[in-house]
Amino acid sequence: MSKNKNTTTEAATFYKNAGDKMAYLAGRWSDEKQYEDINDYQKPLNPIAEKAGVVIEKMLKQPFGCIFRAPNGKAFKATMKMSGEYAYQEQPKMFKAPATKPQAPAKASKAKAAKPKAEKKSKPAQPKSEDKGPSRTAYIDSLILKGGLTARQIAEKALGNFPDSTLEQNLTIARSRPWHLKQKGLTPKTKIAERGTGKVALMKSMLAEGKHTCQAIAEAVVKQFGGDVNKTKVVVRSMPWHMKKQGLKGSYRKANATPAKVTKKVTKKTAAK
């Protein structure tokens, strides 16, 4: 974090409280940026900003972050790099109105005789083309809201209706859309996260065991789904917080800690042997 004399208390509070959420969203954006809108990522940050007393004015794609404004009018930029580096700094030149050049006085022109304008021939109205069907994302949303299908079944149905797409693309969209539907106040009937076997489901299952390191979980996810280990570790670090919000228990073991030893209880049968 940059140390700046002009840093406000509200800006520092937002930076501190938004860290976990920024880490999670940065990892999600890295995986889903081809299919998702960066502006949708502002919604989960807005409650934190309101509580801190700042206003988010713009989301940033690279590096992932946002521009927010404090009550004193100063603008700040908070960024979360995939290396895990989280920082913010004042942006004194942000949102400055561009200077306008003074217009030169109009020169007096000689009066010219007005020529009658030729009437433009209006083209005959062309018949409207038939309305196109719903987009691929809208089609997948309808299946998720309807319920009764797994993520793979939804992806296969989308592939049948949109042959130019791929199964992997449709799977990625199907797994990400429930989050966006919830942000719009809709309730998906299809529980993709529980039924599917995506990255998040694998992370949750390993975190629930509580015996794996962050590095081991990231490597397991990358081995099965591909990607970058360091980027995946950023998401893994944020997952226990989200699991706690959902009423689930999850944690990862520190690299230098040893797993707890399992001791066998000596019973009468084992003693007899």
Protein backbone atom coordinates (compact mmCIF):
# COMPACT_ATOMS: atom_id res chain seq x y z
CA MET A 1 0.00 0.00 0.00
CA SER A 2 1.34 3.38 -0.93
CA LYS A 3 1.82 5.74 2.00
CA ASN A 4 0.31 9.09 1.14
CA LYS A 5 -0.32 12.05 3.47
CA ASN A 6 -3.57 12.74 1.63
CA THR A 7 -4.91 9.21 2.22
CA THR A 8 -8.32 9.45 3.91
CA THR A 9 -9.64 7.23 6.66
CA GLU A 10 -12.56 6.14 4.46
CA ALA A 11 -10.21 5.10 1.63
CA ALA A 12 -8.00 3.11 4.01
CA THR A 13 -11.05 1.41 5.53
CA PHE A 14 -12.36 0.35 2.11
CA TYR A 15 -8.92 -0.94 1.10
CA LYS A 16 -8.66 -3.02 4.27
CA ASN A 17 -12.21 -4.45 4.23
CA ALA A 18 -12.32 -5.22 0.48
CA GLY A 19 -9.13 -7.33 0.40
CA ASP A 20 -10.69 -10.81 0.56
CA LYS A 21 -13.47 -9.92 -1.87
CA MET A 22 -11.01 -8.36 -4.33
CA ALA A 23 -8.85 -11.51 -4.23
CA TYR A 24 -11.83 -13.73 -5.00
CA LEU A 25 -13.16 -11.48 -7.78
CA ALA A 26 -9.69 -11.11 -9.34
CA GLY A 27 -9.36 -14.89 -9.59
CA ARG A 28 -12.86 -15.20 -11.02
CA TRP A 29 -12.20 -12.45 -13.56
CA SER A 30 -9.02 -14.20 -14.68
CA ASP A 31 -11.01 -17.36 -15.49
CA GLU A 32 -14.23 -15.81 -16.84
CA LYS A 33 -13.16 -12.54 -18.52
CA GLN A 34 -13.98 -13.86 -21.99
CA TYR A 35 -17.63 -14.33 -21.06
CA GLU A 36 -18.44 -11.86 -18.26
CA ASP A 37 -18.92 -8.09 -17.99
CA ILE A 38 -16.39 -6.29 -15.77
CA ASN A 39 -19.11 -3.88 -14.58
CA ASP A 40 -20.99 -6.78 -12.92
CA TYR A 41 -18.05 -7.16 -10.52
CA GLN A 42 -18.87 -3.79 -8.92
CA LYS A 43 -22.09 -5.08 -7.33
CA PRO A 44 -20.47 -7.29 -4.65
CA LEU A 45 -18.05 -4.44 -3.79
CA ASN A 46 -20.75 -1.78 -3.41
CA PRO A 47 -21.88 -2.82 0.12
CA ILE A 48 -18.27 -2.66 1.36
CA ALA A 49 -17.82 0.76 -0.27
CA GLU A 50 -21.06 2.11 1.25
CA LYS A 51 -20.06 0.90 4.71
CA ALA A 52 -16.66 2.59 4.37
CA GLY A 53 -18.21 5.81 3.06
CA VAL A 54 -16.71 5.76 -0.45
CA VAL A 55 -18.21 5.46 -3.95
CA ILE A 56 -16.91 3.12 -6.67
CA GLU A 57 -16.84 4.95 -9.99
CA LYS A 58 -15.15 2.53 -12.37
CA MET A 59 -13.97 -1.09 -12.54
CA LEU A 60 -10.53 -1.93 -13.99
CA LYS A 61 -9.67 -4.99 -16.09
CA GLN A 62 -5.85 -5.11 -16.07
CA PRO A 63 -4.77 -5.26 -13.36
CA PHE A 64 -8.12 -6.07 -11.78
CA GLY A 65 -9.36 -3.34 -9.47
CA CYS A 66 -11.50 -0.23 -9.21
CA ILE A 67 -11.44 3.54 -9.01
CA PHE A 68 -13.28 4.87 -5.95
CA ARG A 69 -13.86 8.34 -4.52
CA ALA A 70 -13.68 9.40 -0.88
CA PRO A 71 -16.05 11.96 0.73
CA ASN A 72 -13.42 14.70 0.40
CA GLY A 73 -13.54 14.32 -3.40
CA LYS A 74 -10.19 12.58 -3.82
CA ALA A 75 -10.06 9.59 -6.20
CA PHE A 76 -8.14 6.40 -5.43
CA LYS A 77 -7.22 3.30 -7.40
CA ALA A 78 -7.23 -0.14 -5.70
CA THR A 79 -5.72 -3.08 -7.65
CA MET A 80 -5.30 -6.80 -7.02
CA LYS A 81 -2.64 -8.43 -9.18
CA MET A 82 -2.68 -12.18 -9.83
CA SER A 83 0.64 -12.44 -8.00
CA GLY A 84 -1.34 -11.56 -4.85
CA GLU A 85 -0.04 -7.98 -4.64
CA TYR A 86 -2.84 -5.75 -3.32
CA ALA A 87 -2.32 -1.96 -3.30
CA TYR A 88 -4.08 1.36 -3.60
CA GLN A 89 -2.96 4.92 -4.31
CA GLU A 90 -4.39 8.36 -4.80
CA GLN A 91 -5.27 9.40 -8.33
CA PRO A 92 -5.09 13.23 -8.32
CA LYS A 93 -5.55 13.51 -12.09
CA MET A 94 -8.45 11.09 -12.43
CA PHE A 95 -11.75 12.36 -13.80
CA LYS A 96 -10.40 15.81 -14.57
CA ALA A 97 -12.57 17.70 -17.04
CA PRO A 98 -10.73 18.31 -20.36
CA ALA A 99 -9.81 21.91 -21.11
CA THR A 100 -11.81 23.44 -23.94
CA LYS A 101 -10.19 25.69 -26.52
CA PRO A 102 -11.74 29.15 -26.96
CA GLN A 103 -13.63 29.36 -30.22
CA ALA A 104 -12.52 31.98 -32.72
CA PRO A 105 -15.16 34.61 -33.61
CA ALA A 106 -17.04 33.75 -36.77
CA LYS A 107 -15.94 35.75 -39.81
CA ALA A 108 -18.53 37.83 -41.54
CA SER A 109 -19.41 36.19 -44.84
CA LYS A 110 -21.02 37.76 -47.84
CA ALA A 111 -24.69 37.07 -48.17
CA LYS A 112 -25.30 34.47 -50.82
CA ALA A 113 -28.51 33.84 -52.59
CA ALA A 114 -30.18 30.84 -51.05
CA LYS A 115 -30.45 28.02 -53.52
CA PRO A 116 -33.53 25.86 -53.34
CA LYS A 117 -32.62 22.45 -51.92
CA ALA A 118 -33.45 19.47 -54.02
CA GLU A 119 -35.95 17.19 -52.40
CA LYS A 120 -34.49 13.88 -51.34
CA LYS A 121 -36.20 10.84 -52.66
CA SER A 122 -37.33 8.68 -49.81
CA LYS A 123 -36.41 5.03 -50.14
CA PRO A 124 -39.21 2.53 -49.84
CA ALA A 125 -39.37 0.97 -46.40
CA GLN A 126 -37.73 -2.44 -46.34
CA PRO A 127 -39.47 -5.26 -44.54
CA LYS A 128 -38.05 -5.93 -41.09
CA SER A 129 -36.00 -9.05 -40.71
CA GLU A 130 -37.28 -11.78 -38.44
CA ASP A 131 -36.30 -11.39 -34.80
CA LYS A 132 -33.34 -13.51 -33.80
CA GLY A 133 -33.70 -16.06 -31.05
CA PRO A 134 -32.27 -15.65 -27.56
CA SER A 135 -28.51 -15.40 -27.14
CA ARG A 136 -26.51 -18.36 -25.85
CA THR A 137 -26.17 -16.79 -22.40
CA ALA A 138 -29.91 -16.04 -22.22
CA TYR A 139 -30.69 -19.63 -23.27
CA ILE A 140 -28.39 -21.05 -20.57
CA ASP A 141 -29.93 -18.67 -17.99
CA SER A 142 -33.41 -20.01 -18.84
CA LEU A 143 -32.27 -23.60 -18.27
CA ILE A 144 -30.63 -22.70 -14.94
CA LEU A 145 -33.78 -20.92 -13.73
CA LYS A 146 -35.95 -23.83 -14.85
CA GLY A 147 -33.88 -26.32 -12.85
CA GLY A 148 -33.50 -30.09 -13.01
CA LEU A 149 -30.29 -30.18 -15.09
CA THR A 150 -26.62 -30.43 -14.25
CA ALA A 151 -24.04 -28.03 -15.68
CA ARG A 152 -22.93 -30.63 -18.27
CA GLN A 153 -26.50 -31.30 -19.38
CA ILE A 154 -27.08 -27.57 -19.81
CA ALA A 155 -23.83 -27.26 -21.79
CA GLU A 156 -24.84 -30.14 -24.09
CA LYS A 157 -28.27 -28.61 -24.74
CA ALA A 158 -26.65 -25.26 -25.53
CA LEU A 159 -24.26 -27.01 -27.93
CA GLY A 160 -27.23 -28.46 -29.80
CA ASN A 161 -28.83 -25.02 -30.20
CA PHE A 162 -25.56 -23.15 -30.85
CA PRO A 163 -23.34 -25.47 -32.96
CA ASP A 164 -20.67 -22.77 -33.37
CA SER A 165 -19.92 -22.97 -29.63
CA THR A 166 -17.92 -25.62 -27.78
CA LEU A 167 -18.86 -27.83 -24.84
CA GLU A 168 -16.08 -26.35 -22.67
CA GLN A 169 -17.25 -22.78 -23.36
CA ASN A 170 -20.83 -23.68 -22.48
CA LEU A 171 -19.70 -25.41 -19.27
CA THR A 172 -17.80 -22.30 -18.20
CA ILE A 173 -20.85 -20.09 -18.82
CA ALA A 174 -23.22 -22.51 -17.06
CA ARG A 175 -21.02 -22.58 -13.95
CA SER A 176 -20.65 -18.79 -13.79
CA ARG A 177 -24.21 -17.64 -14.55
CA PRO A 178 -25.91 -18.57 -11.20
CA TRP A 179 -23.77 -15.94 -9.47
CA HIS A 180 -24.89 -13.27 -11.97
CA LEU A 181 -28.53 -14.30 -11.70
CA LYS A 182 -28.38 -13.93 -7.91
CA GLN A 183 -26.92 -10.42 -8.34
CA LYS A 184 -30.04 -9.57 -10.38
CA GLY A 185 -32.31 -10.81 -7.61
CA LEU A 186 -33.24 -14.09 -9.35
CA THR A 187 -33.18 -17.51 -7.70
CA PRO A 188 -31.60 -20.27 -9.80
CA LYS A 189 -33.30 -23.65 -9.25
CA THR A 190 -30.28 -25.50 -10.61
CA LYS A 191 -27.52 -25.72 -8.00
CA ILE A 192 -24.54 -25.80 -10.34
CA ALA A 193 -21.90 -25.51 -7.62
CA GLU A 194 -23.13 -28.58 -5.73
CA ARG A 195 -23.93 -30.78 -8.72
CA GLY A 196 -21.05 -29.85 -10.94
CA THR A 197 -17.44 -30.91 -10.79
CA GLY A 198 -15.88 -27.54 -11.55
CA LYS A 199 -12.92 -25.75 -10.06
CA VAL A 200 -14.88 -24.25 -7.17
CA ALA A 201 -16.44 -27.63 -6.26
CA LEU A 202 -13.01 -29.27 -6.17
CA MET A 203 -11.57 -26.44 -4.05
CA LYS A 204 -14.48 -26.68 -1.58
CA SER A 205 -14.13 -30.45 -1.20
CA MET A 206 -10.37 -30.22 -0.50
CA LEU A 207 -10.78 -27.26 1.85
CA ALA A 208 -13.51 -29.14 3.75
CA GLU A 209 -10.95 -31.86 4.54
CA GLY A 210 -8.65 -29.22 6.07
CA LYS A 211 -5.46 -31.22 5.55
CA HIS A 212 -4.18 -29.84 2.23
CA THR A 213 -1.90 -26.85 1.74
CA CYS A 214 -2.90 -23.94 -0.48
CA GLN A 215 -0.19 -25.01 -2.96
CA ALA A 216 -1.47 -28.60 -3.07
CA ILE A 217 -5.06 -27.51 -3.71
CA ALA A 218 -4.00 -25.13 -6.49
CA GLU A 219 -1.88 -27.81 -8.16
CA ALA A 220 -4.75 -30.32 -8.03
CA VAL A 221 -7.13 -27.83 -9.64
CA VAL A 222 -4.63 -26.90 -12.37
CA LYS A 223 -3.89 -30.57 -13.07
CA GLN A 224 -7.58 -31.30 -13.67
CA PHE A 225 -8.77 -28.07 -15.28
CA GLY A 226 -5.61 -26.30 -16.46
CA GLY A 227 -4.57 -22.74 -15.70
CA ASP A 228 -1.89 -21.01 -13.66
CA VAL A 229 -0.95 -22.23 -10.16
CA ASN A 230 -0.23 -18.75 -8.75
CA LYS A 231 -3.53 -17.35 -10.04
CA THR A 232 -5.42 -20.32 -8.64
CA LYS A 233 -3.75 -19.88 -5.22
CA VAL A 234 -5.25 -16.36 -5.01
CA VAL A 235 -8.73 -17.88 -5.37
CA VAL A 236 -7.99 -20.70 -2.92
CA ARG A 237 -6.95 -18.20 -0.22
CA SER A 238 -10.30 -16.42 -0.48
CA MET A 239 -12.51 -19.54 -0.54
CA PRO A 240 -12.64 -20.26 3.27
CA TRP A 241 -14.21 -16.83 3.83
CA HIS A 242 -16.92 -17.51 1.24
CA MET A 243 -17.54 -21.00 2.59
CA LYS A 244 -18.04 -19.53 6.07
CA LYS A 245 -20.65 -17.14 4.66
CA GLN A 246 -22.47 -20.18 3.21
CA GLY A 247 -22.39 -21.98 6.58
CA LEU A 248 -19.63 -24.37 5.48
CA LYS A 249 -16.33 -25.19 7.15
CA GLY A 250 -13.13 -25.08 5.13
CA SER A 251 -9.46 -24.32 5.63
CA TYR A 252 -6.04 -25.08 4.19
CA ARG A 253 -2.98 -26.21 6.11
CA LYS A 254 0.04 -23.95 6.33
CA ALA A 255 3.06 -25.20 4.42
CA ASN A 256 5.26 -25.54 7.53
CA ALA A 257 2.57 -27.21 9.67
CA THR A 258 2.31 -30.98 10.02
CA PRO A 259 -1.08 -32.71 9.72
CA ALA A 260 -2.62 -33.98 12.93
CA LYS A 261 -1.75 -37.60 13.73
CA VAL A 262 -4.61 -40.07 13.87
CA THR A 263 -4.36 -42.26 17.01
CA LYS A 264 -6.08 -45.62 17.22
CA LYS A 265 -8.19 -46.41 20.25
CA VAL A 266 -7.17 -49.70 21.84
CA THR A 267 -10.24 -51.87 22.26
CA LYS A 268 -10.60 -55.23 23.92
CA LYS A 269 -10.62 -56.97 20.52
CA THR A 270 -7.41 -55.32 19.29
CA ALA A 271 -5.73 -55.96 22.66
CA ALA A 272 -6.61 -59.64 22.47
CA LYS A 273 -4.92 -59.89 19.04
